[in-house]
Every structure is written in C-alpha cells, then in structure tokens.
C-alpha cells in the first residue's frame, strides 16, 4: 500500500513540475526575453555624448534612448550600444541593427 502511495505522490510531483514548466514557457512566449532598464549613469553619459539631440536628424523633441544592436538580437545596455534618436527616426529604425 505504501508503495502505491509513494508512486502516486511521485507521479503527482512530476505532473506539477510539468505544469509549472508549461506555464513558464507560456509566460515567456507572451512577454519574450526580460529587458533590464538602461542604467541612469549610461543615460547621462549618452545624453552628454550625443548632445541631447537625435544622432540621425538632429531633432531635439520626442527623444528616445535606442539600442544600436536591439536587445532581441543580443544588444546590451552599455553606452557603446545606446544612442539618442527622435521618435520618427527610432520608428524608422525599428529592430534593425544600425541604420
């Protein structure tokens, strides 16, 4: 009798693990890879380096911090991979690498 109970408990634990894995995979597929925020010190450095203007067109309105190599393609949050783009230029660039 004990063996049957232990077997049932082991089967139940295995099922719970499988459900947890499926739930985690479903959540990951909804949200994609987790992104870390760009650190404030990196933002300040990039802002000073780029002169607070879009590096493509020189606009000073609706500015965004853009990943030169997108996070989805392996880019990180270092100052070398961040640039300032205006909203229009950032939308045109989309998830391309560079311009």
Protein backbone atom coordinates (compact mmCIF):
# COMPACT_ATOMS: atom_id res chain seq x y z
CA UNK A 1 0.00 0.00 0.00
CA UNK A 2 2.83 2.39 0.91
CA UNK A 3 4.49 1.77 -2.46
CA UNK A 4 1.28 2.71 -4.28
CA UNK A 5 1.01 5.95 -2.25
CA UNK A 6 4.67 6.81 -2.91
CA UNK A 7 4.23 6.08 -6.61
CA UNK A 8 1.13 8.29 -6.73
CA UNK A 9 2.98 11.10 -4.92
CA UNK A 10 5.91 10.83 -7.33
CA UNK A 11 3.53 10.92 -10.32
CA UNK A 12 1.76 13.95 -8.85
CA UNK A 13 5.06 15.77 -8.25
CA UNK A 14 6.11 15.03 -11.83
CA UNK A 15 2.81 16.38 -13.14
CA UNK A 16 3.18 19.54 -11.03
CA UNK A 17 6.69 20.09 -12.42
CA UNK A 18 5.42 19.60 -15.96
CA UNK A 19 2.58 22.08 -15.46
CA UNK A 20 4.98 24.62 -13.94
CA UNK A 21 7.29 24.27 -16.96
CA UNK A 22 4.40 24.70 -19.39
CA UNK A 23 3.15 27.78 -17.52
CA UNK A 24 6.66 29.30 -17.55
CA UNK A 25 7.01 28.61 -21.28
CA UNK A 26 3.61 30.17 -21.98
CA UNK A 27 4.51 33.28 -19.96
CA UNK A 28 7.87 33.60 -21.73
CA UNK A 29 6.22 33.35 -25.14
CA UNK A 30 3.88 36.22 -24.16
CA UNK A 31 6.49 38.55 -22.76
CA UNK A 32 9.67 37.49 -24.58
CA UNK A 33 13.09 37.93 -23.05
CA UNK A 34 13.28 40.08 -19.94
CA UNK A 35 14.80 43.51 -20.51
CA UNK A 36 16.85 45.37 -17.97
CA UNK A 37 16.33 49.10 -17.76
CA UNK A 38 19.09 51.27 -19.16
CA UNK A 39 21.04 52.44 -16.10
CA UNK A 40 20.78 56.16 -15.27
CA UNK A 41 24.56 56.64 -15.47
CA UNK A 42 24.54 55.22 -19.02
CA UNK A 43 21.66 57.54 -19.98
CA UNK A 44 23.55 60.56 -18.64
CA UNK A 45 26.73 59.58 -20.47
CA UNK A 46 24.88 59.01 -23.77
CA UNK A 47 22.92 62.26 -23.39
CA UNK A 48 26.16 64.21 -22.89
CA UNK A 49 27.95 62.36 -25.70
CA UNK A 50 25.10 62.83 -28.21
CA UNK A 51 24.46 66.43 -27.17
CA UNK A 52 20.82 65.81 -26.29
CA UNK A 53 19.85 65.55 -29.96
CA UNK A 54 18.89 62.81 -32.40
CA UNK A 55 22.12 61.42 -33.86
CA UNK A 56 20.41 60.92 -37.22
CA UNK A 57 18.47 64.12 -37.91
CA UNK A 58 19.45 66.49 -35.09
CA UNK A 59 15.92 66.81 -33.65
CA UNK A 60 15.60 67.97 -30.06
CA UNK A 61 11.99 66.83 -29.44
CA UNK A 62 10.48 63.41 -28.65
CA UNK A 63 13.86 61.80 -27.99
CA UNK A 64 14.35 58.11 -27.18
CA UNK A 65 17.28 56.05 -25.99
CA UNK A 66 17.80 53.47 -28.75
CA UNK A 67 19.78 50.24 -28.73
CA UNK A 68 22.05 50.22 -31.81
CA UNK A 69 22.01 46.43 -31.67
CA UNK A 70 18.50 45.61 -30.40
CA UNK A 71 18.14 43.66 -27.16
CA UNK A 72 16.21 41.00 -29.09
CA UNK A 73 19.32 40.50 -31.25
CA UNK A 74 21.77 40.34 -28.36
CA UNK A 75 22.48 44.03 -27.71
CA UNK A 76 23.18 45.23 -24.20
CA UNK A 77 22.82 48.40 -22.19
CA UNK A 78 26.39 49.70 -22.48
CA UNK A 79 26.92 53.29 -23.59
CA UNK A 80 28.56 51.98 -26.78
CA UNK A 81 25.26 50.32 -27.76
CA UNK A 82 22.92 53.19 -26.84
CA UNK A 83 22.23 56.28 -28.94
CA UNK A 84 19.67 59.07 -28.92
CA UNK A 85 17.07 59.02 -31.69
CA UNK A 86 13.92 61.06 -32.12
CA UNK A 87 10.62 59.20 -32.22
CA UNK A 88 10.44 59.32 -36.04
CA UNK A 89 13.97 58.01 -36.59
CA UNK A 90 13.54 55.35 -33.90
CA UNK A 91 10.33 54.08 -35.52
CA UNK A 92 12.03 54.01 -38.94
CA UNK A 93 14.96 52.05 -37.50
CA UNK A 94 12.61 49.60 -35.75
CA UNK A 95 14.54 46.42 -34.80
CA UNK A 96 17.24 46.81 -37.44
CA UNK A 97 20.89 46.91 -36.49
CA UNK A 98 22.28 50.39 -37.15
CA UNK A 99 20.66 52.47 -39.89
